[in-house]
Amino acid sequence: PGESGKAAVTTPTGLASLVTFESNPAVQMEARISGTLRLNPEGCYSLDRWTLVAPAGSVGDPEGNWIEVVGFGRLSLDDTLRSGGGIVDRLPSGVEPTTEGCAADPDGYAVINVDG
């Protein structure tokens, strides 16, 4: 993600946490990614094995059943997501996750673009 994109972690009072950009980066990643929406053991929404980083304004159901992604609409657990974006080995700068599992994913992070 570009340096202008700041990320934050949406941590509702329930079980699930969704990592989102606070403001979307000016430069988007150009790869295509695809995977199944899941929750990791720490309660972070993920795309297959990678913790998901969604566009600014996206929200996650605190009970862990669905996410509402800007540019895509609502996705339920086990739905397939195909998007522009990419896989990165660390969270974008500016992220201050309150859920340890979102902060320390050894597999990396699936970043999805706002334009899909």
N, C-alpha and C. Protein backbone atom coordinates (compact mmCIF):
# COMPACT_ATOMS: atom_id res chain seq x y z
N PRO A 1 0.82 -1.19 0.00
CA PRO A 1 0.00 0.00 0.00
C PRO A 1 0.86 1.25 0.00
N GLY A 2 0.35 2.29 -0.55
CA GLY A 2 1.08 3.54 -0.63
C GLY A 2 1.24 4.18 0.73
N GLU A 3 2.21 5.06 0.86
CA GLU A 3 2.48 5.71 2.13
C GLU A 3 1.32 6.57 2.58
N SER A 4 0.49 7.08 1.66
CA SER A 4 -0.60 7.95 2.05
C SER A 4 -1.76 7.19 2.67
N GLY A 5 -1.81 5.88 2.52
CA GLY A 5 -2.89 5.10 3.10
C GLY A 5 -2.56 4.73 4.53
N LYS A 6 -3.42 5.16 5.45
CA LYS A 6 -3.25 4.80 6.85
C LYS A 6 -4.24 3.70 7.15
N ALA A 7 -3.87 2.77 7.99
CA ALA A 7 -4.76 1.66 8.32
C ALA A 7 -5.11 1.70 9.80
N ALA A 8 -6.27 1.16 10.09
CA ALA A 8 -6.74 1.07 11.47
C ALA A 8 -7.38 -0.29 11.63
N VAL A 9 -7.63 -0.69 12.85
CA VAL A 9 -8.30 -1.96 13.09
C VAL A 9 -9.65 -1.68 13.72
N THR A 10 -10.70 -2.15 13.08
CA THR A 10 -12.04 -2.02 13.61
C THR A 10 -12.25 -3.18 14.58
N THR A 11 -12.39 -2.87 15.84
CA THR A 11 -12.55 -3.94 16.83
C THR A 11 -13.85 -3.72 17.60
N PRO A 12 -14.94 -4.28 17.07
CA PRO A 12 -16.21 -4.18 17.77
C PRO A 12 -16.13 -4.89 19.13
N THR A 13 -17.11 -4.71 19.94
CA THR A 13 -17.12 -5.32 21.27
C THR A 13 -17.35 -6.82 21.21
N GLY A 14 -17.70 -7.34 20.06
CA GLY A 14 -17.95 -8.77 19.92
C GLY A 14 -16.69 -9.56 19.67
N LEU A 15 -16.82 -10.62 18.91
CA LEU A 15 -15.75 -11.58 18.71
C LEU A 15 -14.79 -11.24 17.59
N ALA A 16 -15.26 -10.59 16.55
CA ALA A 16 -14.49 -10.47 15.32
C ALA A 16 -13.89 -9.08 15.13
N SER A 17 -12.72 -9.04 14.48
CA SER A 17 -12.04 -7.79 14.17
C SER A 17 -11.73 -7.73 12.68
N LEU A 18 -11.93 -6.57 12.10
CA LEU A 18 -11.62 -6.36 10.69
C LEU A 18 -10.59 -5.25 10.57
N VAL A 19 -9.46 -5.54 9.94
CA VAL A 19 -8.44 -4.53 9.68
C VAL A 19 -8.89 -3.74 8.46
N THR A 20 -8.94 -2.41 8.59
CA THR A 20 -9.34 -1.54 7.47
C THR A 20 -8.37 -0.38 7.35
N PHE A 21 -8.32 0.19 6.15
CA PHE A 21 -7.57 1.43 5.97
C PHE A 21 -8.35 2.57 6.60
N GLU A 22 -7.64 3.43 7.32
CA GLU A 22 -8.24 4.64 7.86
C GLU A 22 -8.53 5.61 6.71
N SER A 23 -7.60 5.69 5.77
CA SER A 23 -7.80 6.42 4.52
C SER A 23 -7.13 5.57 3.44
N ASN A 24 -7.80 5.43 2.33
CA ASN A 24 -7.29 4.54 1.28
C ASN A 24 -6.03 5.12 0.64
N PRO A 25 -5.05 4.25 0.33
CA PRO A 25 -3.81 4.72 -0.28
C PRO A 25 -4.04 5.28 -1.68
N ALA A 26 -3.23 6.26 -2.05
CA ALA A 26 -3.34 6.86 -3.38
C ALA A 26 -2.92 5.85 -4.45
N VAL A 27 -1.96 4.99 -4.11
CA VAL A 27 -1.46 3.99 -5.05
C VAL A 27 -2.02 2.63 -4.63
N GLN A 28 -2.69 1.96 -5.56
CA GLN A 28 -3.29 0.66 -5.29
C GLN A 28 -2.34 -0.46 -5.73
N MET A 29 -2.43 -1.60 -5.08
CA MET A 29 -1.66 -2.77 -5.48
C MET A 29 -2.29 -3.33 -6.75
N GLU A 30 -1.48 -3.90 -7.64
CA GLU A 30 -1.98 -4.30 -8.96
C GLU A 30 -2.18 -5.79 -9.15
N ALA A 31 -1.84 -6.61 -8.17
CA ALA A 31 -2.03 -8.06 -8.31
C ALA A 31 -3.52 -8.40 -8.20
N ARG A 32 -3.87 -9.60 -8.59
CA ARG A 32 -5.23 -10.13 -8.38
C ARG A 32 -5.13 -11.16 -7.27
N ILE A 33 -6.04 -11.07 -6.30
CA ILE A 33 -6.06 -12.05 -5.22
C ILE A 33 -7.43 -12.70 -5.15
N SER A 34 -7.47 -13.88 -4.63
CA SER A 34 -8.72 -14.63 -4.51
C SER A 34 -8.61 -15.55 -3.30
N GLY A 35 -9.71 -15.70 -2.59
CA GLY A 35 -9.71 -16.61 -1.46
C GLY A 35 -11.07 -16.65 -0.79
N THR A 36 -11.15 -17.44 0.27
CA THR A 36 -12.38 -17.64 1.00
C THR A 36 -12.35 -16.82 2.29
N LEU A 37 -13.44 -16.10 2.56
CA LEU A 37 -13.54 -15.31 3.78
C LEU A 37 -13.66 -16.23 4.98
N ARG A 38 -12.79 -16.01 5.97
CA ARG A 38 -12.74 -16.85 7.17
C ARG A 38 -12.47 -15.96 8.39
N LEU A 39 -12.52 -16.57 9.56
CA LEU A 39 -12.04 -15.96 10.79
C LEU A 39 -10.84 -16.77 11.26
N ASN A 40 -9.75 -16.09 11.63
CA ASN A 40 -8.62 -16.84 12.16
C ASN A 40 -8.88 -17.14 13.64
N PRO A 41 -8.07 -17.96 14.28
CA PRO A 41 -8.32 -18.33 15.68
C PRO A 41 -8.37 -17.14 16.64
N GLU A 42 -7.72 -16.02 16.28
CA GLU A 42 -7.73 -14.83 17.13
C GLU A 42 -8.94 -13.94 16.89
N GLY A 43 -9.81 -14.32 15.96
CA GLY A 43 -11.01 -13.55 15.69
C GLY A 43 -10.86 -12.45 14.65
N CYS A 44 -9.81 -12.52 13.85
CA CYS A 44 -9.60 -11.55 12.78
C CYS A 44 -10.15 -12.11 11.48
N TYR A 45 -10.88 -11.28 10.73
CA TYR A 45 -11.33 -11.71 9.41
C TYR A 45 -10.11 -11.95 8.54
N SER A 46 -10.17 -13.01 7.74
CA SER A 46 -9.03 -13.35 6.89
C SER A 46 -9.52 -13.82 5.52
N LEU A 47 -8.59 -13.80 4.59
CA LEU A 47 -8.81 -14.34 3.25
C LEU A 47 -7.91 -15.56 3.17
N ASP A 48 -8.51 -16.74 3.25
CA ASP A 48 -7.76 -17.98 3.42
C ASP A 48 -6.87 -17.84 4.65
N ARG A 49 -5.55 -17.95 4.50
CA ARG A 49 -4.66 -17.92 5.67
C ARG A 49 -4.13 -16.54 6.01
N TRP A 50 -4.44 -15.52 5.19
CA TRP A 50 -3.91 -14.18 5.39
C TRP A 50 -4.94 -13.29 6.07
N THR A 51 -4.52 -12.53 7.08
CA THR A 51 -5.41 -11.54 7.70
C THR A 51 -5.81 -10.53 6.64
N LEU A 52 -7.10 -10.21 6.59
CA LEU A 52 -7.64 -9.32 5.57
C LEU A 52 -7.46 -7.86 5.95
N VAL A 53 -7.02 -7.02 5.00
CA VAL A 53 -6.97 -5.57 5.15
C VAL A 53 -7.93 -5.00 4.11
N ALA A 54 -9.04 -4.43 4.58
CA ALA A 54 -10.12 -3.96 3.71
C ALA A 54 -10.07 -2.45 3.52
N PRO A 55 -10.74 -1.94 2.47
CA PRO A 55 -10.78 -0.49 2.23
C PRO A 55 -11.43 0.28 3.38
N ALA A 56 -11.08 1.56 3.49
CA ALA A 56 -11.68 2.45 4.49
C ALA A 56 -13.20 2.41 4.34
N GLY A 57 -13.89 2.42 5.46
CA GLY A 57 -15.35 2.39 5.45
C GLY A 57 -15.94 1.00 5.51
N SER A 58 -15.12 -0.03 5.33
CA SER A 58 -15.61 -1.41 5.43
C SER A 58 -15.85 -1.74 6.90
N VAL A 59 -16.81 -2.62 7.16
CA VAL A 59 -17.13 -3.00 8.54
C VAL A 59 -17.31 -4.51 8.64
N GLY A 60 -17.07 -5.02 9.83
CA GLY A 60 -17.26 -6.44 10.09
C GLY A 60 -18.32 -6.66 11.13
N ASP A 61 -19.09 -7.71 10.97
CA ASP A 61 -20.08 -8.12 11.96
C ASP A 61 -19.35 -8.53 13.24
N PRO A 62 -19.70 -7.95 14.38
CA PRO A 62 -19.01 -8.31 15.62
C PRO A 62 -19.18 -9.77 16.02
N GLU A 63 -20.20 -10.42 15.50
CA GLU A 63 -20.41 -11.84 15.79
C GLU A 63 -19.61 -12.74 14.86
N GLY A 64 -18.96 -12.16 13.84
CA GLY A 64 -18.10 -12.93 12.96
C GLY A 64 -18.81 -13.64 11.81
N ASN A 65 -19.96 -13.13 11.38
CA ASN A 65 -20.72 -13.80 10.31
C ASN A 65 -20.53 -13.20 8.93
N TRP A 66 -20.21 -11.91 8.83
CA TRP A 66 -20.12 -11.23 7.54
C TRP A 66 -19.26 -9.98 7.65
N ILE A 67 -18.85 -9.48 6.50
CA ILE A 67 -18.23 -8.16 6.40
C ILE A 67 -18.92 -7.40 5.29
N GLU A 68 -18.95 -6.09 5.41
CA GLU A 68 -19.48 -5.19 4.39
C GLU A 68 -18.28 -4.45 3.83
N VAL A 69 -17.90 -4.75 2.58
CA VAL A 69 -16.68 -4.21 1.99
C VAL A 69 -17.04 -3.14 0.96
N VAL A 70 -16.46 -1.97 1.15
CA VAL A 70 -16.65 -0.88 0.19
C VAL A 70 -16.25 -1.38 -1.19
N GLY A 71 -17.12 -1.21 -2.17
CA GLY A 71 -16.84 -1.64 -3.53
C GLY A 71 -17.31 -3.06 -3.85
N PHE A 72 -17.71 -3.83 -2.83
CA PHE A 72 -18.14 -5.21 -3.04
C PHE A 72 -19.52 -5.49 -2.48
N GLY A 73 -19.84 -4.88 -1.35
CA GLY A 73 -21.07 -5.20 -0.64
C GLY A 73 -20.79 -6.20 0.47
N ARG A 74 -21.85 -6.91 0.87
CA ARG A 74 -21.75 -7.84 1.99
C ARG A 74 -21.25 -9.20 1.54
N LEU A 75 -20.29 -9.74 2.30
CA LEU A 75 -19.77 -11.08 2.08
C LEU A 75 -19.93 -11.86 3.38
N SER A 76 -20.38 -13.09 3.27
CA SER A 76 -20.54 -13.95 4.43
C SER A 76 -19.32 -14.86 4.56
N LEU A 77 -19.13 -15.40 5.77
CA LEU A 77 -18.06 -16.38 5.94
C LEU A 77 -18.23 -17.48 4.91
N ASP A 78 -17.13 -17.97 4.40
CA ASP A 78 -17.05 -19.02 3.37
C ASP A 78 -17.36 -18.53 1.96
N ASP A 79 -17.71 -17.23 1.79
CA ASP A 79 -17.85 -16.67 0.44
C ASP A 79 -16.47 -16.51 -0.18
N THR A 80 -16.41 -16.57 -1.51
CA THR A 80 -15.16 -16.34 -2.23
C THR A 80 -15.07 -14.86 -2.61
N LEU A 81 -13.91 -14.29 -2.38
CA LEU A 81 -13.64 -12.90 -2.74
C LEU A 81 -12.53 -12.87 -3.77
N ARG A 82 -12.77 -12.16 -4.88
CA ARG A 82 -11.75 -11.95 -5.91
C ARG A 82 -11.61 -10.44 -6.08
N SER A 83 -10.37 -9.96 -6.02
CA SER A 83 -10.16 -8.53 -6.01
C SER A 83 -8.78 -8.17 -6.53
N GLY A 84 -8.63 -6.91 -6.88
CA GLY A 84 -7.31 -6.36 -7.05
C GLY A 84 -6.73 -6.16 -5.66
N GLY A 85 -5.43 -6.23 -5.56
CA GLY A 85 -4.78 -6.07 -4.26
C GLY A 85 -3.47 -6.80 -4.24
N GLY A 86 -3.17 -7.45 -3.14
CA GLY A 86 -1.93 -8.20 -3.05
C GLY A 86 -1.71 -8.75 -1.66
N ILE A 87 -0.66 -9.54 -1.53
CA ILE A 87 -0.27 -10.14 -0.26
C ILE A 87 1.00 -9.43 0.21
N VAL A 88 1.00 -8.97 1.45
CA VAL A 88 2.17 -8.29 2.03
C VAL A 88 2.57 -9.02 3.30
N ASP A 89 3.84 -8.87 3.70
CA ASP A 89 4.32 -9.60 4.87
C ASP A 89 4.14 -8.86 6.19
N ARG A 90 3.74 -7.59 6.15
CA ARG A 90 3.47 -6.86 7.38
C ARG A 90 2.34 -5.87 7.15
N LEU A 91 1.74 -5.45 8.24
CA LEU A 91 0.63 -4.49 8.13
C LEU A 91 1.13 -3.17 7.57
N PRO A 92 0.27 -2.48 6.81
CA PRO A 92 0.65 -1.16 6.30
C PRO A 92 0.97 -0.21 7.46
N SER A 93 1.81 0.77 7.20
CA SER A 93 2.18 1.73 8.25
C SER A 93 0.94 2.43 8.79
N GLY A 94 0.98 2.74 10.07
CA GLY A 94 -0.14 3.43 10.71
C GLY A 94 -1.14 2.51 11.36
N VAL A 95 -0.98 1.21 11.24
CA VAL A 95 -1.91 0.27 11.86
C VAL A 95 -1.55 0.09 13.32
N GLU A 96 -2.54 0.19 14.19
CA GLU A 96 -2.35 -0.07 15.60
C GLU A 96 -3.42 -1.06 16.05
N PRO A 97 -3.26 -2.33 15.71
CA PRO A 97 -4.30 -3.31 16.04
C PRO A 97 -4.44 -3.52 17.54
N THR A 98 -5.66 -3.72 17.99
CA THR A 98 -5.91 -4.02 19.39
C THR A 98 -6.07 -5.53 19.59
N THR A 99 -6.12 -6.28 18.53
CA THR A 99 -6.20 -7.73 18.62
C THR A 99 -4.86 -8.31 18.22
N GLU A 100 -4.22 -9.03 19.11
CA GLU A 100 -2.87 -9.56 18.88
C GLU A 100 -2.79 -10.38 17.60
N GLY A 101 -3.81 -11.19 17.31
CA GLY A 101 -3.79 -12.02 16.12
C GLY A 101 -3.75 -11.21 14.83
N CYS A 102 -4.32 -10.00 14.86
CA CYS A 102 -4.28 -9.14 13.68
C CYS A 102 -2.90 -8.52 13.51
N ALA A 103 -2.17 -8.36 14.61
CA ALA A 103 -0.88 -7.68 14.57
C ALA A 103 0.27 -8.62 14.22
N ALA A 104 0.11 -9.89 14.48
CA ALA A 104 1.24 -10.80 14.37
C ALA A 104 0.91 -12.02 13.53
N ASP A 105 0.49 -11.80 12.31
CA ASP A 105 0.15 -12.92 11.43
C ASP A 105 1.41 -13.36 10.69
N PRO A 106 1.95 -14.52 10.99
CA PRO A 106 3.20 -14.96 10.33
C PRO A 106 3.03 -15.26 8.85
N ASP A 107 1.79 -15.46 8.40
CA ASP A 107 1.54 -15.75 6.99
C ASP A 107 1.44 -14.50 6.13
N GLY A 108 1.16 -13.35 6.74
CA GLY A 108 1.04 -12.11 6.00
C GLY A 108 -0.38 -11.61 5.96
N TYR A 109 -0.63 -10.65 5.05
CA TYR A 109 -1.89 -9.92 5.00
C TYR A 109 -2.38 -9.83 3.56
N ALA A 110 -3.67 -10.03 3.37
CA ALA A 110 -4.30 -9.88 2.05
C ALA A 110 -4.92 -8.48 1.99
N VAL A 111 -4.35 -7.62 1.18
CA VAL A 111 -4.84 -6.25 1.03
C VAL A 111 -5.75 -6.20 -0.19
N ILE A 112 -6.99 -5.73 -0.01
CA ILE A 112 -7.89 -5.62 -1.16
C ILE A 112 -8.09 -4.14 -1.51
N ASN A 113 -8.14 -3.87 -2.79
CA ASN A 113 -8.31 -2.52 -3.29
C ASN A 113 -9.76 -2.06 -3.19
N VAL A 114 -9.92 -0.76 -3.02
CA VAL A 114 -11.26 -0.18 -2.94
C VAL A 114 -12.03 -0.38 -4.25
N ASP A 115 -11.33 -0.42 -5.38
CA ASP A 115 -12.00 -0.57 -6.68
C ASP A 115 -12.15 -2.02 -7.10
N GLY A 116 -11.70 -2.94 -6.26
CA GLY A 116 -11.81 -4.36 -6.57
C GLY A 116 -10.93 -4.73 -7.72
